[in-house]
Amino acid sequence: GRFTISRDDTKNTAYLQMNSLKPED
């Protein structure tokens, strides 16, 4: 519910979008 993993194969890149970050992250 807070993080989203994705990939863009045209850029050979994976991503991790991190929202609502907490100190324990």
PDB file of all heavy atoms in Angstrom:
ATOM      1  N   GLY A   1       0.785  -1.214   0.000  1.00  0.00           N
ATOM      2  CA  GLY A   1       0.000   0.000   0.000  1.00  0.00           C
ATOM      3  C   GLY A   1       0.818   1.265   0.000  1.00  0.00           C
ATOM      4  O   GLY A   1       0.268   2.357  -0.191  1.00  0.00           O
ATOM      5  N   ARG A   2       2.117   1.149   0.220  1.00  0.00           N
ATOM      6  CA  ARG A   2       2.983   2.320   0.265  1.00  0.00           C
ATOM      7  C   ARG A   2       4.036   2.314  -0.838  1.00  0.00           C
ATOM      8  O   ARG A   2       4.387   3.367  -1.359  1.00  0.00           O
ATOM      9  CB  ARG A   2       3.685   2.422   1.620  1.00  0.00           C
ATOM     10  CG  ARG A   2       2.722   2.556   2.794  1.00  0.00           C
ATOM     11  CD  ARG A   2       3.470   2.865   4.084  1.00  0.00           C
ATOM     12  NE  ARG A   2       4.386   1.796   4.452  1.00  0.00           N
ATOM     13  CZ  ARG A   2       5.709   1.947   4.589  1.00  0.00           C
ATOM     14  NH1 ARG A   2       6.266   3.139   4.387  1.00  0.00           N
ATOM     15  NH2 ARG A   2       6.468   0.917   4.936  1.00  0.00           N
ATOM     16  N   PHE A   3       4.556   1.136  -1.176  1.00  0.00           N
ATOM     17  CA  PHE A   3       5.618   1.014  -2.173  1.00  0.00           C
ATOM     18  C   PHE A   3       5.055   0.404  -3.452  1.00  0.00           C
ATOM     19  O   PHE A   3       4.129  -0.416  -3.418  1.00  0.00           O
ATOM     20  CB  PHE A   3       6.744   0.110  -1.673  1.00  0.00           C
ATOM     21  CG  PHE A   3       7.571   0.677  -0.551  1.00  0.00           C
ATOM     22  CD1 PHE A   3       7.196   1.815   0.141  1.00  0.00           C
ATOM     23  CD2 PHE A   3       8.746   0.037  -0.191  1.00  0.00           C
ATOM     24  CE1 PHE A   3       7.965   2.321   1.177  1.00  0.00           C
ATOM     25  CE2 PHE A   3       9.534   0.528   0.841  1.00  0.00           C
ATOM     26  CZ  PHE A   3       9.137   1.671   1.523  1.00  0.00           C
ATOM     27  N   THR A   4       5.636   0.787  -4.584  1.00  0.00           N
ATOM     28  CA  THR A   4       5.260   0.231  -5.873  1.00  0.00           C
ATOM     29  C   THR A   4       6.508  -0.122  -6.660  1.00  0.00           C
ATOM     30  O   THR A   4       7.373   0.730  -6.865  1.00  0.00           O
ATOM     31  CB  THR A   4       4.411   1.218  -6.686  1.00  0.00           C
ATOM     32  OG1 THR A   4       3.241   1.581  -5.950  1.00  0.00           O
ATOM     33  CG2 THR A   4       3.989   0.584  -8.009  1.00  0.00           C
ATOM     34  N   ILE A   5       6.590  -1.368  -7.100  1.00  0.00           N
ATOM     35  CA  ILE A   5       7.697  -1.793  -7.944  1.00  0.00           C
ATOM     36  C   ILE A   5       7.250  -1.746  -9.402  1.00  0.00           C
ATOM     37  O   ILE A   5       6.109  -2.065  -9.724  1.00  0.00           O
ATOM     38  CB  ILE A   5       8.191  -3.205  -7.559  1.00  0.00           C
ATOM     39  CG1 ILE A   5       9.475  -3.549  -8.327  1.00  0.00           C
ATOM     40  CG2 ILE A   5       7.114  -4.259  -7.788  1.00  0.00           C
ATOM     41  CD1 ILE A   5      10.149  -4.823  -7.843  1.00  0.00           C
ATOM     42  N   SER A   6       8.142  -1.335 -10.277  1.00  0.00           N
ATOM     43  CA  SER A   6       7.833  -1.266 -11.694  1.00  0.00           C
ATOM     44  C   SER A   6       9.110  -1.458 -12.497  1.00  0.00           C
ATOM     45  O   SER A   6      10.205  -1.534 -11.937  1.00  0.00           O
ATOM     46  CB  SER A   6       7.159   0.064 -12.049  1.00  0.00           C
ATOM     47  OG  SER A   6       8.028   1.152 -11.788  1.00  0.00           O
ATOM     48  N   ARG A   7       8.960  -1.547 -13.805  1.00  0.00           N
ATOM     49  CA  ARG A   7      10.127  -1.690 -14.669  1.00  0.00           C
ATOM     50  C   ARG A   7       9.857  -1.040 -16.010  1.00  0.00           C
ATOM     51  O   ARG A   7       8.713  -0.973 -16.477  1.00  0.00           O
ATOM     52  CB  ARG A   7      10.490  -3.166 -14.849  1.00  0.00           C
ATOM     53  CG  ARG A   7       9.408  -3.982 -15.546  1.00  0.00           C
ATOM     54  CD  ARG A   7       9.675  -5.478 -15.420  1.00  0.00           C
ATOM     55  NE  ARG A   7      10.923  -5.868 -16.051  1.00  0.00           N
ATOM     56  CZ  ARG A   7      11.600  -6.974 -15.767  1.00  0.00           C
ATOM     57  NH1 ARG A   7      11.137  -7.800 -14.824  1.00  0.00           N
ATOM     58  NH2 ARG A   7      12.727  -7.251 -16.404  1.00  0.00           N
ATOM     59  N   ASP A   8      10.907  -0.557 -16.624  1.00  0.00           N
ATOM     60  CA  ASP A   8      10.846   0.022 -17.957  1.00  0.00           C
ATOM     61  C   ASP A   8      11.904  -0.686 -18.787  1.00  0.00           C
ATOM     62  O   ASP A   8      13.091  -0.374 -18.689  1.00  0.00           O
ATOM     63  CB  ASP A   8      11.095   1.523 -17.907  1.00  0.00           C
ATOM     64  CG  ASP A   8      10.930   2.188 -19.262  1.00  0.00           C
ATOM     65  OD1 ASP A   8      10.930   1.487 -20.286  1.00  0.00           O
ATOM     66  OD2 ASP A   8      10.797   3.423 -19.304  1.00  0.00           O
ATOM     67  N   ASP A   9      11.473  -1.644 -19.587  1.00  0.00           N
ATOM     68  CA  ASP A   9      12.421  -2.465 -20.332  1.00  0.00           C
ATOM     69  C   ASP A   9      13.131  -1.682 -21.436  1.00  0.00           C
ATOM     70  O   ASP A   9      14.216  -2.070 -21.859  1.00  0.00           O
ATOM     71  CB  ASP A   9      11.715  -3.685 -20.919  1.00  0.00           C
ATOM     72  CG  ASP A   9      11.283  -4.678 -19.859  1.00  0.00           C
ATOM     73  OD1 ASP A   9      11.676  -4.512 -18.686  1.00  0.00           O
ATOM     74  OD2 ASP A   9      10.561  -5.634 -20.190  1.00  0.00           O
ATOM     75  N   THR A  10      12.537  -0.599 -21.898  1.00  0.00           N
ATOM     76  CA  THR A  10      13.202   0.219 -22.903  1.00  0.00           C
ATOM     77  C   THR A  10      14.395   0.952 -22.326  1.00  0.00           C
ATOM     78  O   THR A  10      15.292   1.366 -23.065  1.00  0.00           O
ATOM     79  CB  THR A  10      12.241   1.229 -23.535  1.00  0.00           C
ATOM     80  OG1 THR A  10      11.847   2.209 -22.565  1.00  0.00           O
ATOM     81  CG2 THR A  10      11.006   0.533 -24.070  1.00  0.00           C
ATOM     82  N   LYS A  11      14.421   1.117 -21.006  1.00  0.00           N
ATOM     83  CA  LYS A  11      15.521   1.793 -20.327  1.00  0.00           C
ATOM     84  C   LYS A  11      16.378   0.842 -19.502  1.00  0.00           C
ATOM     85  O   LYS A  11      17.317   1.283 -18.836  1.00  0.00           O
ATOM     86  CB  LYS A  11      14.982   2.896 -19.419  1.00  0.00           C
ATOM     87  CG  LYS A  11      14.223   3.986 -20.152  1.00  0.00           C
ATOM     88  CD  LYS A  11      13.702   5.041 -19.186  1.00  0.00           C
ATOM     89  CE  LYS A  11      12.959   6.136 -19.920  1.00  0.00           C
ATOM     90  NZ  LYS A  11      12.423   7.153 -18.981  1.00  0.00           N
ATOM     91  N   ASN A  12      16.054  -0.445 -19.529  1.00  0.00           N
ATOM     92  CA  ASN A  12      16.770  -1.445 -18.729  1.00  0.00           C
ATOM     93  C   ASN A  12      16.826  -1.035 -17.258  1.00  0.00           C
ATOM     94  O   ASN A  12      17.866  -1.156 -16.600  1.00  0.00           O
ATOM     95  CB  ASN A  12      18.179  -1.665 -19.265  1.00  0.00           C
ATOM     96  CG  ASN A  12      18.198  -2.314 -20.631  1.00  0.00           C
ATOM     97  OD1 ASN A  12      17.231  -2.952 -21.043  1.00  0.00           O
ATOM     98  ND2 ASN A  12      19.310  -2.168 -21.336  1.00  0.00           N
ATOM     99  N   THR A  13      15.705  -0.577 -16.747  1.00  0.00           N
ATOM    100  CA  THR A  13      15.676  -0.027 -15.401  1.00  0.00           C
ATOM    101  C   THR A  13      14.460  -0.508 -14.630  1.00  0.00           C
ATOM    102  O   THR A  13      13.350  -0.556 -15.169  1.00  0.00           O
ATOM    103  CB  THR A  13      15.672   1.506 -15.448  1.00  0.00           C
ATOM    104  OG1 THR A  13      16.846   1.965 -16.134  1.00  0.00           O
ATOM    105  CG2 THR A  13      15.671   2.096 -14.051  1.00  0.00           C
ATOM    106  N   ALA A  14      14.681  -0.868 -13.373  1.00  0.00           N
ATOM    107  CA  ALA A  14      13.606  -1.167 -12.440  1.00  0.00           C
ATOM    108  C   ALA A  14      13.505  -0.038 -11.430  1.00  0.00           C
ATOM    109  O   ALA A  14      14.491   0.656 -11.147  1.00  0.00           O
ATOM    110  CB  ALA A  14      13.864  -2.491 -11.728  1.00  0.00           C
ATOM    111  N   TYR A  15      12.316   0.139 -10.873  1.00  0.00           N
ATOM    112  CA  TYR A  15      12.067   1.236  -9.952  1.00  0.00           C
ATOM    113  C   TYR A  15      11.379   0.742  -8.693  1.00  0.00           C
ATOM    114  O   TYR A  15      10.679  -0.267  -8.697  1.00  0.00           O
ATOM    115  CB  TYR A  15      11.171   2.296 -10.593  1.00  0.00           C
ATOM    116  CG  TYR A  15      11.703   2.868 -11.877  1.00  0.00           C
ATOM    117  CD1 TYR A  15      11.312   2.354 -13.106  1.00  0.00           C
ATOM    118  CD2 TYR A  15      12.603   3.926 -11.865  1.00  0.00           C
ATOM    119  CE1 TYR A  15      11.795   2.870 -14.293  1.00  0.00           C
ATOM    120  CE2 TYR A  15      13.094   4.460 -13.037  1.00  0.00           C
ATOM    121  CZ  TYR A  15      12.691   3.932 -14.255  1.00  0.00           C
ATOM    122  OH  TYR A  15      13.182   4.460 -15.427  1.00  0.00           O
ATOM    123  N   LEU A  16      11.565   1.489  -7.632  1.00  0.00           N
ATOM    124  CA  LEU A  16      10.799   1.291  -6.415  1.00  0.00           C
ATOM    125  C   LEU A  16      10.315   2.654  -5.954  1.00  0.00           C
ATOM    126  O   LEU A  16      11.106   3.471  -5.475  1.00  0.00           O
ATOM    127  CB  LEU A  16      11.633   0.622  -5.317  1.00  0.00           C
ATOM    128  CG  LEU A  16      10.870   0.282  -4.039  1.00  0.00           C
ATOM    129  CD1 LEU A  16       9.870  -0.849  -4.308  1.00  0.00           C
ATOM    130  CD2 LEU A  16      11.827  -0.115  -2.920  1.00  0.00           C
ATOM    131  N   GLN A  17       9.031   2.906  -6.141  1.00  0.00           N
ATOM    132  CA  GLN A  17       8.424   4.135  -5.670  1.00  0.00           C
ATOM    133  C   GLN A  17       8.012   3.942  -4.224  1.00  0.00           C
ATOM    134  O   GLN A  17       7.239   3.035  -3.915  1.00  0.00           O
ATOM    135  CB  GLN A  17       7.200   4.498  -6.518  1.00  0.00           C
ATOM    136  CG  GLN A  17       6.470   5.751  -6.056  1.00  0.00           C
ATOM    137  CD  GLN A  17       7.281   7.007  -6.237  1.00  0.00           C
ATOM    138  OE1 GLN A  17       7.873   7.214  -7.294  1.00  0.00           O
ATOM    139  NE2 GLN A  17       7.334   7.843  -5.209  1.00  0.00           N
ATOM    140  N   MET A  18       8.513   4.771  -3.343  1.00  0.00           N
ATOM    141  CA  MET A  18       8.265   4.642  -1.915  1.00  0.00           C
ATOM    142  C   MET A  18       7.518   5.876  -1.431  1.00  0.00           C
ATOM    143  O   MET A  18       8.046   6.988  -1.483  1.00  0.00           O
ATOM    144  CB  MET A  18       9.577   4.476  -1.152  1.00  0.00           C
ATOM    145  CG  MET A  18      10.437   3.315  -1.652  1.00  0.00           C
ATOM    146  SD  MET A  18      11.909   3.054  -0.635  1.00  0.00           S
ATOM    147  CE  MET A  18      12.779   4.599  -0.959  1.00  0.00           C
ATOM    148  N   ASN A  19       6.300   5.674  -0.978  1.00  0.00           N
ATOM    149  CA  ASN A  19       5.471   6.748  -0.459  1.00  0.00           C
ATOM    150  C   ASN A  19       5.180   6.524   1.015  1.00  0.00           C
ATOM    151  O   ASN A  19       5.342   5.419   1.529  1.00  0.00           O
ATOM    152  CB  ASN A  19       4.148   6.830  -1.230  1.00  0.00           C
ATOM    153  CG  ASN A  19       4.334   7.137  -2.689  1.00  0.00           C
ATOM    154  OD1 ASN A  19       5.249   7.851  -3.081  1.00  0.00           O
ATOM    155  ND2 ASN A  19       3.435   6.603  -3.518  1.00  0.00           N
ATOM    156  N   SER A  20       4.737   7.567   1.679  1.00  0.00           N
ATOM    157  CA  SER A  20       4.384   7.489   3.100  1.00  0.00           C
ATOM    158  C   SER A  20       5.492   6.830   3.901  1.00  0.00           C
ATOM    159  O   SER A  20       5.256   5.937   4.719  1.00  0.00           O
ATOM    160  CB  SER A  20       3.066   6.725   3.273  1.00  0.00           C
ATOM    161  OG  SER A  20       2.011   7.350   2.565  1.00  0.00           O
ATOM    162  N   LEU A  21       6.698   7.283   3.696  1.00  0.00           N
ATOM    163  CA  LEU A  21       7.853   6.663   4.330  1.00  0.00           C
ATOM    164  C   LEU A  21       7.812   6.827   5.843  1.00  0.00           C
ATOM    165  O   LEU A  21       7.371   7.848   6.364  1.00  0.00           O
ATOM    166  CB  LEU A  21       9.137   7.247   3.771  1.00  0.00           C
ATOM    167  CG  LEU A  21       9.510   6.710   2.388  1.00  0.00           C
ATOM    168  CD1 LEU A  21      10.510   7.627   1.705  1.00  0.00           C
ATOM    169  CD2 LEU A  21      10.074   5.298   2.511  1.00  0.00           C
ATOM    170  N   LYS A  22       8.299   5.796   6.519  1.00  0.00           N
ATOM    171  CA  LYS A  22       8.350   5.744   7.963  1.00  0.00           C
ATOM    172  C   LYS A  22       9.795   5.599   8.419  1.00  0.00           C
ATOM    173  O   LYS A  22      10.632   5.096   7.676  1.00  0.00           O
ATOM    174  CB  LYS A  22       7.542   4.548   8.477  1.00  0.00           C
ATOM    175  CG  LYS A  22       6.099   4.504   8.016  1.00  0.00           C
ATOM    176  CD  LYS A  22       5.435   3.210   8.465  1.00  0.00           C
ATOM    177  CE  LYS A  22       3.997   3.138   7.990  1.00  0.00           C
ATOM    178  NZ  LYS A  22       3.356   1.865   8.407  1.00  0.00           N
ATOM    179  N   PRO A  23      10.105   6.009   9.642  1.00  0.00           N
ATOM    180  CA  PRO A  23      11.479   5.829  10.129  1.00  0.00           C
ATOM    181  C   PRO A  23      11.961   4.384  10.037  1.00  0.00           C
ATOM    182  O   PRO A  23      13.150   4.154   9.791  1.00  0.00           O
ATOM    183  CB  PRO A  23      11.389   6.298  11.581  1.00  0.00           C
ATOM    184  CG  PRO A  23      10.307   7.328  11.555  1.00  0.00           C
ATOM    185  CD  PRO A  23       9.286   6.784  10.584  1.00  0.00           C
ATOM    186  N   GLU A  24      11.079   3.422  10.220  1.00  0.00           N
ATOM    187  CA  GLU A  24      11.474   2.024  10.142  1.00  0.00           C
ATOM    188  C   GLU A  24      11.815   1.572   8.728  1.00  0.00           C
ATOM    189  O   GLU A  24      12.292   0.449   8.534  1.00  0.00           O
ATOM    190  CB  GLU A  24      10.398   1.109  10.740  1.00  0.00           C
ATOM    191  CG  GLU A  24       9.003   1.335  10.184  1.00  0.00           C
ATOM    192  CD  GLU A  24       8.157   2.228  11.067  1.00  0.00           C
ATOM    193  OE1 GLU A  24       8.675   3.247  11.569  1.00  0.00           O
ATOM    194  OE2 GLU A  24       6.969   1.908  11.272  1.00  0.00           O
ATOM    195  N   ASP A  25      11.582   2.421   7.733  1.00  0.00           N
ATOM    196  CA  ASP A  25      12.009   2.126   6.373  1.00  0.00           C
ATOM    197  C   ASP A  25      13.485   2.447   6.157  1.00  0.00           C
ATOM    198  O   ASP A  25      14.031   2.131   5.094  1.00  0.00           O
ATOM    199  CB  ASP A  25      11.178   2.912   5.358  1.00  0.00           C
ATOM    200  CG  ASP A  25       9.721   2.503   5.341  1.00  0.00           C
ATOM    201  OD1 ASP A  25       9.436   1.292   5.427  1.00  0.00           O
ATOM    202  OD2 ASP A  25       8.860   3.403   5.238  1.00  0.00           O
TER     203      ASP A  25
END
